[in-house]
Amino acid sequence: MKNAMPSKRQLFVMVTARILVSVPVFLAMFFWPAGTFDYWQAWVYLAVILVPMLIMAVYLFKYSPELLARRMQMKEKETEQKRIIGASLIYFVLAFILPGFDHRFGWSHVPTWLVLLADGVVLLSFALVFWVFRENQYASRIIEVAQDQQVISSGPYSLVRHPMYLGSGTMYIMSSLALGSYWAILPALLIVPLLAARIKNEEAVLLRDLSGYRDYMQRVKYRIWPGVW
């Protein structure tokens, strides 16, 4: 059964609530382990992720509210996806809490230029995700096929089949360096096999439920990285 589209007012409340919850959560994850607010890498990183996030939310609210509503969905329908998401939460939390402890105890000494370069890559990853949203109005957060969904093969989808995972995965891994931690890269990298499992299951769902996807797979050979996989 197709989920009812929320009204603009309901969607505004949902997005605002999500942002109001996310900001203190990020603050707690970064500064509580650090034991101080004197952590410039975290402040820069917060600006790098929150400003584009707000711009993207405003854009989608104005021009693509249906896509924004899809991005608000959190409850996975596929059993395998539920297990993958549950496992990924462990590594997500570790990757974002470790940098604060790293800052407190001085385990890593990431040079400023590398921190800023990582912030730049995070911004570029946001740009790739935004490009995906411009091309694909069906880019739901959960794995599902909408009633009127069509195969998207334009823009980044002409290069790889899952460009959003390329953007989000790169963003996630580079966040460790942006927060000034080498050690946090270890749990961040563990997201790679989980992303691979998510993609393989998603493709099984798309092959089952989305007309034309098998032909698209024949045209675009690689899932996430051209020439590799």
N, C-alpha and C. Protein backbone atom coordinates (compact mmCIF):
# COMPACT_ATOMS: atom_id res chain seq x y z
N MET A 1 0.85 -1.19 0.00
CA MET A 1 0.00 0.00 0.00
C MET A 1 0.89 1.25 0.00
N LYS A 2 0.55 2.20 -0.84
CA LYS A 2 1.35 3.40 -0.96
C LYS A 2 1.12 4.31 0.23
N ASN A 3 2.23 4.81 0.84
CA ASN A 3 2.11 5.70 1.97
C ASN A 3 1.53 7.03 1.55
N ALA A 4 0.65 7.59 2.39
CA ALA A 4 0.03 8.88 2.09
C ALA A 4 1.09 9.97 2.15
N MET A 5 1.03 10.88 1.19
CA MET A 5 1.96 12.00 1.15
C MET A 5 1.59 13.00 2.24
N PRO A 6 2.52 13.35 3.14
CA PRO A 6 2.20 14.33 4.17
C PRO A 6 1.97 15.71 3.56
N SER A 7 1.21 16.53 4.25
CA SER A 7 1.00 17.91 3.80
C SER A 7 2.29 18.70 3.96
N LYS A 8 2.34 19.87 3.35
CA LYS A 8 3.53 20.72 3.47
C LYS A 8 3.79 21.07 4.93
N ARG A 9 2.73 21.33 5.67
CA ARG A 9 2.88 21.67 7.08
C ARG A 9 3.45 20.46 7.86
N GLN A 10 2.90 19.28 7.61
CA GLN A 10 3.39 18.08 8.28
C GLN A 10 4.86 17.81 7.93
N LEU A 11 5.17 18.00 6.66
CA LEU A 11 6.55 17.77 6.21
C LEU A 11 7.49 18.77 6.87
N PHE A 12 7.08 20.01 6.98
CA PHE A 12 7.91 21.03 7.64
C PHE A 12 8.18 20.65 9.09
N VAL A 13 7.15 20.18 9.78
CA VAL A 13 7.30 19.77 11.18
C VAL A 13 8.25 18.58 11.28
N MET A 14 8.10 17.62 10.37
CA MET A 14 8.96 16.43 10.39
C MET A 14 10.43 16.80 10.19
N VAL A 15 10.70 17.64 9.19
CA VAL A 15 12.07 18.03 8.89
C VAL A 15 12.66 18.86 10.02
N THR A 16 11.89 19.80 10.54
CA THR A 16 12.37 20.64 11.64
C THR A 16 12.69 19.80 12.87
N ALA A 17 11.81 18.85 13.18
CA ALA A 17 12.04 17.99 14.34
C ALA A 17 13.30 17.16 14.15
N ARG A 18 13.51 16.65 12.93
CA ARG A 18 14.69 15.83 12.66
C ARG A 18 15.98 16.65 12.85
N ILE A 19 15.95 17.90 12.39
CA ILE A 19 17.12 18.77 12.53
C ILE A 19 17.36 19.12 13.99
N LEU A 20 16.29 19.44 14.71
CA LEU A 20 16.43 19.82 16.12
C LEU A 20 16.95 18.67 16.97
N VAL A 21 16.67 17.45 16.56
CA VAL A 21 17.20 16.30 17.27
C VAL A 21 18.64 16.02 16.85
N SER A 22 18.92 16.16 15.55
CA SER A 22 20.25 15.81 15.03
C SER A 22 21.35 16.71 15.59
N VAL A 23 21.09 18.00 15.69
CA VAL A 23 22.14 18.93 16.11
C VAL A 23 22.67 18.60 17.51
N PRO A 24 21.82 18.49 18.54
CA PRO A 24 22.37 18.13 19.86
C PRO A 24 23.01 16.75 19.90
N VAL A 25 22.52 15.82 19.07
CA VAL A 25 23.14 14.49 19.03
C VAL A 25 24.58 14.60 18.51
N PHE A 26 24.76 15.36 17.42
CA PHE A 26 26.11 15.56 16.89
C PHE A 26 27.00 16.28 17.91
N LEU A 27 26.46 17.30 18.55
CA LEU A 27 27.24 18.03 19.56
C LEU A 27 27.70 17.09 20.67
N ALA A 28 26.79 16.22 21.12
CA ALA A 28 27.13 15.27 22.19
C ALA A 28 28.18 14.28 21.73
N MET A 29 28.05 13.77 20.50
CA MET A 29 28.99 12.76 20.00
C MET A 29 30.39 13.33 19.83
N PHE A 30 30.50 14.61 19.48
CA PHE A 30 31.81 15.19 19.23
C PHE A 30 32.46 15.75 20.50
N PHE A 31 31.69 16.55 21.25
CA PHE A 31 32.31 17.32 22.33
C PHE A 31 32.29 16.63 23.68
N TRP A 32 31.35 15.74 23.93
CA TRP A 32 31.38 15.02 25.20
C TRP A 32 32.62 14.12 25.30
N PRO A 33 32.95 13.30 24.28
CA PRO A 33 34.18 12.51 24.37
C PRO A 33 35.43 13.39 24.43
N ALA A 34 35.39 14.55 23.74
CA ALA A 34 36.55 15.43 23.72
C ALA A 34 36.76 16.10 25.08
N GLY A 35 35.68 16.24 25.86
CA GLY A 35 35.78 16.88 27.17
C GLY A 35 36.01 18.37 27.10
N THR A 36 35.80 18.96 25.91
CA THR A 36 36.01 20.39 25.73
C THR A 36 35.30 20.86 24.47
N PHE A 37 35.00 22.16 24.43
CA PHE A 37 34.49 22.75 23.20
C PHE A 37 35.62 23.32 22.35
N ASP A 38 36.83 23.26 22.87
CA ASP A 38 38.01 23.74 22.14
C ASP A 38 38.49 22.63 21.19
N TYR A 39 37.71 22.44 20.14
CA TYR A 39 37.92 21.33 19.21
C TYR A 39 37.53 21.86 17.83
N TRP A 40 38.45 22.60 17.21
CA TRP A 40 38.12 23.35 16.00
C TRP A 40 37.74 22.44 14.84
N GLN A 41 38.33 21.25 14.78
CA GLN A 41 37.99 20.33 13.70
C GLN A 41 36.51 19.96 13.72
N ALA A 42 35.96 19.78 14.92
CA ALA A 42 34.54 19.43 15.04
C ALA A 42 33.65 20.60 14.64
N TRP A 43 34.03 21.83 15.02
CA TRP A 43 33.22 23.00 14.65
C TRP A 43 33.20 23.19 13.13
N VAL A 44 34.36 23.03 12.50
CA VAL A 44 34.41 23.16 11.04
C VAL A 44 33.59 22.07 10.39
N TYR A 45 33.72 20.85 10.89
CA TYR A 45 32.97 19.73 10.32
C TYR A 45 31.47 19.94 10.46
N LEU A 46 31.03 20.44 11.62
CA LEU A 46 29.59 20.71 11.81
C LEU A 46 29.09 21.71 10.77
N ALA A 47 29.88 22.75 10.51
CA ALA A 47 29.48 23.72 9.49
C ALA A 47 29.42 23.07 8.11
N VAL A 48 30.41 22.20 7.83
CA VAL A 48 30.50 21.54 6.52
C VAL A 48 29.30 20.63 6.27
N ILE A 49 28.78 19.98 7.32
CA ILE A 49 27.66 19.07 7.09
C ILE A 49 26.30 19.74 7.29
N LEU A 50 26.21 20.66 8.25
CA LEU A 50 24.90 21.23 8.57
C LEU A 50 24.44 22.27 7.55
N VAL A 51 25.36 23.10 7.06
CA VAL A 51 24.96 24.12 6.09
C VAL A 51 24.43 23.49 4.79
N PRO A 52 25.18 22.55 4.16
CA PRO A 52 24.63 21.90 2.97
C PRO A 52 23.34 21.11 3.27
N MET A 53 23.27 20.52 4.46
CA MET A 53 22.08 19.76 4.81
C MET A 53 20.85 20.67 4.86
N LEU A 54 21.02 21.86 5.44
CA LEU A 54 19.91 22.81 5.50
C LEU A 54 19.53 23.32 4.11
N ILE A 55 20.55 23.61 3.30
CA ILE A 55 20.29 24.08 1.93
C ILE A 55 19.55 23.02 1.14
N MET A 56 19.99 21.76 1.28
CA MET A 56 19.34 20.67 0.57
C MET A 56 17.90 20.48 1.04
N ALA A 57 17.67 20.59 2.35
CA ALA A 57 16.32 20.43 2.88
C ALA A 57 15.39 21.52 2.37
N VAL A 58 15.88 22.76 2.34
CA VAL A 58 15.07 23.87 1.84
C VAL A 58 14.75 23.68 0.36
N TYR A 59 15.76 23.28 -0.42
CA TYR A 59 15.55 23.05 -1.85
C TYR A 59 14.51 21.96 -2.09
N LEU A 60 14.66 20.82 -1.41
CA LEU A 60 13.73 19.72 -1.61
C LEU A 60 12.32 20.08 -1.12
N PHE A 61 12.24 20.82 -0.03
CA PHE A 61 10.94 21.23 0.48
C PHE A 61 10.20 22.10 -0.55
N LYS A 62 10.96 22.94 -1.24
CA LYS A 62 10.35 23.85 -2.21
C LYS A 62 10.07 23.18 -3.56
N TYR A 63 11.03 22.38 -4.03
CA TYR A 63 10.93 21.88 -5.40
C TYR A 63 10.61 20.38 -5.51
N SER A 64 10.85 19.62 -4.45
CA SER A 64 10.62 18.18 -4.54
C SER A 64 10.14 17.63 -3.19
N PRO A 65 8.98 18.06 -2.72
CA PRO A 65 8.50 17.62 -1.40
C PRO A 65 8.26 16.11 -1.32
N GLU A 66 7.90 15.48 -2.44
CA GLU A 66 7.68 14.03 -2.40
C GLU A 66 8.98 13.29 -2.12
N LEU A 67 10.07 13.73 -2.72
CA LEU A 67 11.36 13.12 -2.45
C LEU A 67 11.77 13.36 -1.00
N LEU A 68 11.55 14.58 -0.51
CA LEU A 68 11.89 14.88 0.88
C LEU A 68 11.10 13.99 1.83
N ALA A 69 9.83 13.76 1.51
CA ALA A 69 9.01 12.87 2.34
C ALA A 69 9.56 11.45 2.32
N ARG A 70 10.03 11.00 1.15
CA ARG A 70 10.65 9.67 1.07
C ARG A 70 11.91 9.60 1.92
N ARG A 71 12.68 10.71 1.96
CA ARG A 71 13.90 10.72 2.75
C ARG A 71 13.62 10.73 4.24
N MET A 72 12.40 11.08 4.63
CA MET A 72 12.03 11.08 6.04
C MET A 72 11.67 9.69 6.56
N GLN A 73 11.43 8.76 5.66
CA GLN A 73 11.06 7.40 6.07
C GLN A 73 12.28 6.69 6.67
N MET A 74 12.05 5.95 7.72
CA MET A 74 13.14 5.28 8.42
C MET A 74 12.93 3.77 8.57
N LYS A 75 11.69 3.32 8.49
CA LYS A 75 11.38 1.93 8.79
C LYS A 75 11.55 1.05 7.56
N GLU A 76 12.61 0.23 7.58
CA GLU A 76 12.86 -0.67 6.46
C GLU A 76 11.81 -1.77 6.40
N LYS A 77 11.49 -2.18 5.17
CA LYS A 77 10.51 -3.25 4.96
C LYS A 77 11.18 -4.61 4.75
N GLU A 78 12.39 -4.59 4.18
CA GLU A 78 13.10 -5.83 3.89
C GLU A 78 13.84 -6.31 5.14
N THR A 79 13.66 -7.58 5.48
CA THR A 79 14.27 -8.14 6.70
C THR A 79 15.79 -8.02 6.67
N GLU A 80 16.41 -8.35 5.54
CA GLU A 80 17.87 -8.28 5.45
C GLU A 80 18.37 -6.85 5.64
N GLN A 81 17.62 -5.88 5.11
CA GLN A 81 18.01 -4.49 5.27
C GLN A 81 17.95 -4.06 6.73
N LYS A 82 16.99 -4.58 7.47
CA LYS A 82 16.89 -4.26 8.90
C LYS A 82 18.14 -4.73 9.63
N ARG A 83 18.63 -5.92 9.29
CA ARG A 83 19.83 -6.45 9.94
C ARG A 83 21.06 -5.61 9.56
N ILE A 84 21.15 -5.22 8.30
CA ILE A 84 22.29 -4.42 7.85
C ILE A 84 22.31 -3.06 8.54
N ILE A 85 21.16 -2.41 8.61
CA ILE A 85 21.07 -1.10 9.26
C ILE A 85 21.43 -1.23 10.74
N GLY A 86 20.95 -2.28 11.40
CA GLY A 86 21.26 -2.48 12.80
C GLY A 86 22.75 -2.62 13.04
N ALA A 87 23.43 -3.38 12.18
CA ALA A 87 24.88 -3.56 12.32
C ALA A 87 25.63 -2.26 12.02
N SER A 88 25.17 -1.51 11.02
CA SER A 88 25.87 -0.29 10.63
C SER A 88 25.80 0.79 11.71
N LEU A 89 24.76 0.78 12.53
CA LEU A 89 24.63 1.78 13.59
C LEU A 89 25.79 1.69 14.58
N ILE A 90 26.27 0.46 14.84
CA ILE A 90 27.38 0.27 15.77
C ILE A 90 28.62 0.98 15.24
N TYR A 91 28.93 0.77 13.96
CA TYR A 91 30.14 1.37 13.39
C TYR A 91 29.96 2.87 13.18
N PHE A 92 28.74 3.30 12.91
CA PHE A 92 28.46 4.73 12.77
C PHE A 92 28.78 5.46 14.07
N VAL A 93 28.25 4.94 15.18
CA VAL A 93 28.47 5.58 16.48
C VAL A 93 29.96 5.57 16.83
N LEU A 94 30.64 4.43 16.63
CA LEU A 94 32.07 4.35 16.93
C LEU A 94 32.87 5.37 16.12
N ALA A 95 32.57 5.47 14.84
CA ALA A 95 33.33 6.36 13.96
C ALA A 95 33.16 7.82 14.33
N PHE A 96 32.04 8.18 14.98
CA PHE A 96 31.82 9.58 15.33
C PHE A 96 32.13 9.89 16.80
N ILE A 97 32.24 8.88 17.63
CA ILE A 97 32.61 9.11 19.03
C ILE A 97 34.13 9.05 19.22
N LEU A 98 34.80 8.15 18.50
CA LEU A 98 36.25 8.00 18.64
C LEU A 98 37.04 9.29 18.40
N PRO A 99 36.69 10.12 17.41
CA PRO A 99 37.49 11.33 17.20
C PRO A 99 37.56 12.23 18.43
N GLY A 100 36.47 12.31 19.20
CA GLY A 100 36.50 13.14 20.40
C GLY A 100 37.49 12.62 21.42
N PHE A 101 37.48 11.31 21.66
CA PHE A 101 38.46 10.72 22.57
C PHE A 101 39.87 10.88 22.03
N ASP A 102 40.00 10.74 20.71
CA ASP A 102 41.30 10.93 20.06
C ASP A 102 41.82 12.35 20.33
N HIS A 103 40.92 13.32 20.21
CA HIS A 103 41.30 14.72 20.46
C HIS A 103 41.70 14.91 21.92
N ARG A 104 40.95 14.29 22.84
CA ARG A 104 41.22 14.45 24.27
C ARG A 104 42.57 13.87 24.66
N PHE A 105 42.88 12.69 24.15
CA PHE A 105 44.08 11.98 24.59
C PHE A 105 45.25 12.11 23.62
N GLY A 106 45.04 12.78 22.49
CA GLY A 106 46.13 13.05 21.58
C GLY A 106 46.69 11.84 20.87
N TRP A 107 45.82 10.90 20.49
CA TRP A 107 46.29 9.70 19.82
C TRP A 107 46.77 9.98 18.39
N SER A 108 46.06 10.90 17.72
CA SER A 108 46.39 11.20 16.32
C SER A 108 46.91 12.63 16.21
N HIS A 109 47.69 12.85 15.16
CA HIS A 109 48.17 14.20 14.85
C HIS A 109 47.96 14.44 13.36
N VAL A 110 46.70 14.65 13.01
CA VAL A 110 46.34 14.86 11.60
C VAL A 110 46.66 16.31 11.24
N PRO A 111 47.49 16.56 10.23
CA PRO A 111 47.84 17.94 9.89
C PRO A 111 46.62 18.74 9.41
N THR A 112 46.69 20.04 9.62
CA THR A 112 45.57 20.92 9.27
C THR A 112 45.19 20.79 7.81
N TRP A 113 46.19 20.72 6.94
CA TRP A 113 45.88 20.65 5.51
C TRP A 113 45.08 19.41 5.17
N LEU A 114 45.36 18.28 5.87
CA LEU A 114 44.64 17.05 5.60
C LEU A 114 43.22 17.11 6.16
N VAL A 115 43.06 17.74 7.32
CA VAL A 115 41.72 17.94 7.87
C VAL A 115 40.86 18.75 6.90
N LEU A 116 41.41 19.85 6.39
CA LEU A 116 40.66 20.72 5.48
C LEU A 116 40.40 20.03 4.14
N LEU A 117 41.38 19.24 3.68
CA LEU A 117 41.16 18.47 2.45
C LEU A 117 40.01 17.49 2.63
N ALA A 118 39.98 16.83 3.79
CA ALA A 118 38.89 15.89 4.07
C ALA A 118 37.55 16.62 4.12
N ASP A 119 37.52 17.82 4.70
CA ASP A 119 36.29 18.61 4.70
C ASP A 119 35.85 18.92 3.27
N GLY A 120 36.81 19.21 2.40
CA GLY A 120 36.49 19.48 1.01
C GLY A 120 35.89 18.26 0.32
N VAL A 121 36.44 17.07 0.61
CA VAL A 121 35.90 15.84 0.03
C VAL A 121 34.48 15.58 0.55
N VAL A 122 34.25 15.88 1.83
CA VAL A 122 32.90 15.73 2.39
C VAL A 122 31.92 16.64 1.64
N LEU A 123 32.34 17.87 1.37
CA LEU A 123 31.49 18.79 0.61
C LEU A 123 31.22 18.27 -0.80
N LEU A 124 32.24 17.76 -1.46
CA LEU A 124 32.05 17.19 -2.80
C LEU A 124 31.11 15.99 -2.76
N SER A 125 31.20 15.21 -1.69
CA SER A 125 30.30 14.07 -1.54
C SER A 125 28.87 14.53 -1.39
N PHE A 126 28.67 15.61 -0.63
CA PHE A 126 27.34 16.21 -0.52
C PHE A 126 26.83 16.64 -1.89
N ALA A 127 27.73 17.23 -2.69
CA ALA A 127 27.33 17.68 -4.03
C ALA A 127 26.89 16.50 -4.89
N LEU A 128 27.59 15.36 -4.77
CA LEU A 128 27.21 14.18 -5.53
C LEU A 128 25.83 13.68 -5.09
N VAL A 129 25.59 13.64 -3.78
CA VAL A 129 24.28 13.21 -3.28
C VAL A 129 23.19 14.15 -3.77
N PHE A 130 23.47 15.46 -3.77
CA PHE A 130 22.50 16.43 -4.26
C PHE A 130 22.21 16.21 -5.74
N TRP A 131 23.25 15.89 -6.51
CA TRP A 131 23.08 15.58 -7.94
C TRP A 131 22.17 14.36 -8.11
N VAL A 132 22.37 13.37 -7.26
CA VAL A 132 21.51 12.19 -7.29
C VAL A 132 20.05 12.58 -7.05
N PHE A 133 19.82 13.44 -6.07
CA PHE A 133 18.45 13.86 -5.76
C PHE A 133 17.83 14.63 -6.92
N ARG A 134 18.65 15.40 -7.64
CA ARG A 134 18.14 16.14 -8.80
C ARG A 134 17.70 15.19 -9.90
N GLU A 135 18.41 14.07 -10.04
CA GLU A 135 18.12 13.14 -11.12
C GLU A 135 17.06 12.10 -10.75
N ASN A 136 17.01 11.73 -9.48
CA ASN A 136 16.18 10.59 -9.07
C ASN A 136 15.19 10.99 -7.99
N GLN A 137 13.94 11.16 -8.38
CA GLN A 137 12.89 11.53 -7.43
C GLN A 137 12.43 10.35 -6.58
N TYR A 138 12.97 9.16 -6.85
CA TYR A 138 12.55 7.97 -6.11
C TYR A 138 13.62 7.53 -5.10
N ALA A 139 14.58 8.41 -4.81
CA ALA A 139 15.70 8.05 -3.94
C ALA A 139 15.26 8.01 -2.47
N SER A 140 14.48 7.01 -2.15
CA SER A 140 13.98 6.84 -0.79
C SER A 140 15.11 6.43 0.15
N ARG A 141 14.96 6.73 1.43
CA ARG A 141 15.94 6.28 2.42
C ARG A 141 15.86 4.78 2.64
N ILE A 142 14.66 4.22 2.51
CA ILE A 142 14.48 2.79 2.70
C ILE A 142 14.43 2.11 1.33
N ILE A 143 14.61 0.78 1.33
CA ILE A 143 14.60 0.03 0.09
C ILE A 143 13.16 -0.31 -0.27
N GLU A 144 12.67 0.33 -1.32
CA GLU A 144 11.31 0.10 -1.78
C GLU A 144 11.21 0.52 -3.24
N VAL A 145 10.17 0.05 -3.91
CA VAL A 145 9.88 0.46 -5.29
C VAL A 145 8.51 1.11 -5.30
N ALA A 146 8.47 2.38 -5.69
CA ALA A 146 7.20 3.10 -5.72
C ALA A 146 6.33 2.59 -6.85
N GLN A 147 5.04 2.85 -6.74
CA GLN A 147 4.08 2.32 -7.71
C GLN A 147 4.36 2.79 -9.13
N ASP A 148 4.77 4.05 -9.28
CA ASP A 148 4.99 4.63 -10.61
C ASP A 148 6.49 4.78 -10.93
N GLN A 149 7.35 4.08 -10.20
CA GLN A 149 8.79 4.27 -10.34
C GLN A 149 9.31 3.77 -11.68
N GLN A 150 10.27 4.52 -12.22
CA GLN A 150 10.94 4.14 -13.46
C GLN A 150 12.44 4.06 -13.21
N VAL A 151 13.12 3.35 -14.09
CA VAL A 151 14.57 3.25 -14.00
C VAL A 151 15.19 4.59 -14.38
N ILE A 152 16.10 5.09 -13.56
CA ILE A 152 16.81 6.33 -13.83
C ILE A 152 18.18 5.97 -14.38
N SER A 153 18.52 6.50 -15.56
CA SER A 153 19.81 6.18 -16.17
C SER A 153 20.56 7.44 -16.62
N SER A 154 20.11 8.60 -16.17
CA SER A 154 20.75 9.86 -16.56
C SER A 154 21.69 10.34 -15.46
N GLY A 155 22.47 11.37 -15.75
CA GLY A 155 23.35 11.96 -14.76
C GLY A 155 24.33 10.94 -14.19
N PRO A 156 24.50 10.92 -12.87
CA PRO A 156 25.46 9.97 -12.27
C PRO A 156 25.07 8.52 -12.47
N TYR A 157 23.77 8.27 -12.74
CA TYR A 157 23.31 6.89 -12.96
C TYR A 157 23.77 6.34 -14.31
N SER A 158 24.31 7.20 -15.16
CA SER A 158 24.89 6.71 -16.42
C SER A 158 26.31 6.18 -16.21
N LEU A 159 26.89 6.47 -15.03
CA LEU A 159 28.26 6.05 -14.72
C LEU A 159 28.29 4.83 -13.81
N VAL A 160 27.49 4.88 -12.74
CA VAL A 160 27.39 3.75 -11.80
C VAL A 160 25.93 3.60 -11.39
N ARG A 161 25.59 2.42 -10.91
CA ARG A 161 24.19 2.14 -10.59
C ARG A 161 23.76 2.69 -9.23
N HIS A 162 24.72 2.94 -8.35
CA HIS A 162 24.36 3.41 -7.00
C HIS A 162 25.24 4.61 -6.60
N PRO A 163 25.12 5.73 -7.30
CA PRO A 163 25.99 6.87 -7.00
C PRO A 163 25.75 7.47 -5.62
N MET A 164 24.55 7.33 -5.06
CA MET A 164 24.31 7.90 -3.75
C MET A 164 25.14 7.20 -2.67
N TYR A 165 25.33 5.87 -2.82
CA TYR A 165 26.16 5.16 -1.87
C TYR A 165 27.63 5.54 -2.03
N LEU A 166 28.03 5.86 -3.23
CA LEU A 166 29.39 6.35 -3.45
C LEU A 166 29.59 7.66 -2.69
N GLY A 167 28.61 8.56 -2.80
CA GLY A 167 28.71 9.84 -2.10
C GLY A 167 28.65 9.69 -0.60
N SER A 168 27.66 8.96 -0.11
CA SER A 168 27.49 8.83 1.34
C SER A 168 28.62 8.02 1.97
N GLY A 169 29.09 6.97 1.28
CA GLY A 169 30.19 6.17 1.81
C GLY A 169 31.48 6.97 1.89
N THR A 170 31.79 7.73 0.84
CA THR A 170 32.98 8.58 0.86
C THR A 170 32.89 9.62 1.96
N MET A 171 31.72 10.23 2.10
CA MET A 171 31.50 11.23 3.14
C MET A 171 31.75 10.64 4.52
N TYR A 172 31.24 9.45 4.73
CA TYR A 172 31.35 8.79 6.02
C TYR A 172 32.80 8.48 6.37
N ILE A 173 33.54 7.94 5.43
CA ILE A 173 34.94 7.57 5.69
C ILE A 173 35.81 8.80 5.88
N MET A 174 35.63 9.84 5.05
CA MET A 174 36.45 11.04 5.15
C MET A 174 36.12 11.87 6.37
N SER A 175 34.97 11.63 6.98
CA SER A 175 34.61 12.37 8.19
C SER A 175 35.60 12.13 9.31
N SER A 176 36.20 10.95 9.36
CA SER A 176 37.18 10.64 10.40
C SER A 176 38.37 11.59 10.32
N LEU A 177 38.90 11.77 9.12
CA LEU A 177 40.02 12.69 8.96
C LEU A 177 39.59 14.13 9.17
N ALA A 178 38.38 14.47 8.72
CA ALA A 178 37.88 15.83 8.92
C ALA A 178 37.77 16.16 10.40
N LEU A 179 37.52 15.15 11.23
CA LEU A 179 37.44 15.34 12.68
C LEU A 179 38.79 15.16 13.35
N GLY A 180 39.85 14.99 12.57
CA GLY A 180 41.20 14.94 13.11
C GLY A 180 41.61 13.63 13.72
N SER A 181 41.07 12.51 13.22
CA SER A 181 41.39 11.22 13.82
C SER A 181 41.78 10.19 12.76
N TYR A 182 42.94 9.56 12.95
CA TYR A 182 43.30 8.41 12.13
C TYR A 182 42.61 7.14 12.63
N TRP A 183 42.49 7.01 13.94
CA TRP A 183 41.94 5.80 14.52
C TRP A 183 40.49 5.57 14.13
N ALA A 184 39.73 6.64 13.97
CA ALA A 184 38.31 6.50 13.64
C ALA A 184 38.09 5.97 12.23
N ILE A 185 39.16 5.97 11.41
CA ILE A 185 39.03 5.41 10.06
C ILE A 185 38.73 3.92 10.13
N LEU A 186 39.25 3.24 11.17
CA LEU A 186 39.06 1.78 11.26
C LEU A 186 37.59 1.39 11.32
N PRO A 187 36.78 1.92 12.28
CA PRO A 187 35.36 1.56 12.25
C PRO A 187 34.64 2.14 11.03
N ALA A 188 35.12 3.30 10.53
CA ALA A 188 34.48 3.88 9.35
C ALA A 188 34.61 2.97 8.14
N LEU A 189 35.77 2.33 7.98
CA LEU A 189 35.98 1.44 6.84
C LEU A 189 35.10 0.19 6.90
N LEU A 190 34.68 -0.17 8.12
CA LEU A 190 33.84 -1.35 8.26
C LEU A 190 32.45 -1.13 7.64
N ILE A 191 32.15 0.12 7.28
CA ILE A 191 30.87 0.38 6.63
C ILE A 191 30.90 -0.13 5.19
N VAL A 192 32.09 -0.32 4.62
CA VAL A 192 32.20 -0.74 3.22
C VAL A 192 31.54 -2.09 2.97
N PRO A 193 31.87 -3.16 3.73
CA PRO A 193 31.18 -4.43 3.48
C PRO A 193 29.69 -4.37 3.76
N LEU A 194 29.28 -3.51 4.70
CA LEU A 194 27.85 -3.36 4.97
C LEU A 194 27.15 -2.66 3.81
N LEU A 195 27.81 -1.66 3.23
CA LEU A 195 27.24 -1.01 2.03
C LEU A 195 27.13 -2.00 0.88
N ALA A 196 28.15 -2.84 0.73
CA ALA A 196 28.12 -3.85 -0.33
C ALA A 196 26.94 -4.80 -0.14
N ALA A 197 26.71 -5.22 1.11
CA ALA A 197 25.59 -6.10 1.40
C ALA A 197 24.26 -5.40 1.14
N ARG A 198 24.18 -4.13 1.50
CA ARG A 198 22.95 -3.37 1.27
C ARG A 198 22.67 -3.23 -0.22
N ILE A 199 23.71 -2.95 -0.99
CA ILE A 199 23.54 -2.79 -2.43
C ILE A 199 23.10 -4.09 -3.08
N LYS A 200 23.72 -5.20 -2.71
CA LYS A 200 23.36 -6.49 -3.31
C LYS A 200 21.91 -6.85 -3.01
N ASN A 201 21.46 -6.61 -1.78
CA ASN A 201 20.07 -6.88 -1.45
C ASN A 201 19.13 -5.91 -2.17
N GLU A 202 19.54 -4.64 -2.26
CA GLU A 202 18.71 -3.66 -2.96
C GLU A 202 18.54 -4.05 -4.43
N GLU A 203 19.60 -4.52 -5.04
CA GLU A 203 19.50 -4.90 -6.45
C GLU A 203 18.60 -6.12 -6.63
N ALA A 204 18.60 -7.01 -5.66
CA ALA A 204 17.68 -8.15 -5.73
C ALA A 204 16.23 -7.67 -5.69
N VAL A 205 15.96 -6.67 -4.85
CA VAL A 205 14.61 -6.09 -4.77
C VAL A 205 14.25 -5.39 -6.07
N LEU A 206 15.19 -4.61 -6.62
CA LEU A 206 14.93 -3.88 -7.86
C LEU A 206 14.72 -4.83 -9.04
N LEU A 207 15.49 -5.90 -9.09
CA LEU A 207 15.29 -6.90 -10.15
C LEU A 207 13.92 -7.55 -10.03
N ARG A 208 13.47 -7.73 -8.82
CA ARG A 208 12.18 -8.38 -8.57
C ARG A 208 11.01 -7.45 -8.87
N ASP A 209 11.15 -6.16 -8.53
CA ASP A 209 9.98 -5.28 -8.51
C ASP A 209 10.01 -4.14 -9.53
N LEU A 210 11.17 -3.81 -10.09
CA LEU A 210 11.27 -2.64 -10.97
C LEU A 210 11.48 -3.06 -12.42
N SER A 211 10.50 -2.80 -13.23
CA SER A 211 10.56 -3.14 -14.64
C SER A 211 11.69 -2.39 -15.33
N GLY A 212 12.49 -3.09 -16.10
CA GLY A 212 13.56 -2.48 -16.88
C GLY A 212 14.90 -2.44 -16.16
N TYR A 213 14.94 -2.86 -14.90
CA TYR A 213 16.20 -2.74 -14.16
C TYR A 213 17.25 -3.74 -14.67
N ARG A 214 16.82 -4.91 -15.09
CA ARG A 214 17.78 -5.89 -15.61
C ARG A 214 18.49 -5.35 -16.85
N ASP A 215 17.74 -4.69 -17.74
CA ASP A 215 18.36 -4.09 -18.93
C ASP A 215 19.33 -2.98 -18.54
N TYR A 216 18.95 -2.21 -17.53
CA TYR A 216 19.83 -1.13 -17.05
C TYR A 216 21.14 -1.71 -16.52
N MET A 217 21.07 -2.84 -15.82
CA MET A 217 22.28 -3.48 -15.30
C MET A 217 23.20 -3.91 -16.43
N GLN A 218 22.63 -4.28 -17.56
CA GLN A 218 23.45 -4.68 -18.70
C GLN A 218 24.15 -3.48 -19.32
N ARG A 219 23.50 -2.31 -19.26
CA ARG A 219 24.09 -1.10 -19.84
C ARG A 219 25.14 -0.47 -18.93
N VAL A 220 24.84 -0.42 -17.64
CA VAL A 220 25.76 0.18 -16.66
C VAL A 220 26.33 -0.95 -15.82
N LYS A 221 27.58 -1.28 -16.05
CA LYS A 221 28.16 -2.51 -15.51
C LYS A 221 28.52 -2.42 -14.02
N TYR A 222 28.89 -1.23 -13.57
CA TYR A 222 29.45 -1.12 -12.23
C TYR A 222 28.45 -0.55 -11.24
N ARG A 223 28.51 -1.08 -10.02
CA ARG A 223 27.56 -0.68 -8.99
C ARG A 223 27.90 0.67 -8.38
N ILE A 224 29.18 0.84 -7.97
CA ILE A 224 29.50 2.03 -7.17
C ILE A 224 30.79 2.72 -7.57
N TRP A 225 31.71 1.97 -8.21
CA TRP A 225 32.98 2.56 -8.60
C TRP A 225 33.38 2.04 -9.97
N PRO A 226 33.46 2.93 -10.99
CA PRO A 226 33.76 2.48 -12.35
C PRO A 226 35.09 1.72 -12.41
N GLY A 227 35.04 0.55 -13.07
CA GLY A 227 36.22 -0.26 -13.26
C GLY A 227 36.59 -1.14 -12.09
N VAL A 228 35.88 -1.01 -10.96
CA VAL A 228 36.22 -1.79 -9.77
C VAL A 228 35.09 -2.71 -9.38
N TRP A 229 33.90 -2.16 -9.09
CA TRP A 229 32.78 -2.99 -8.61
C TRP A 229 31.44 -2.31 -8.88
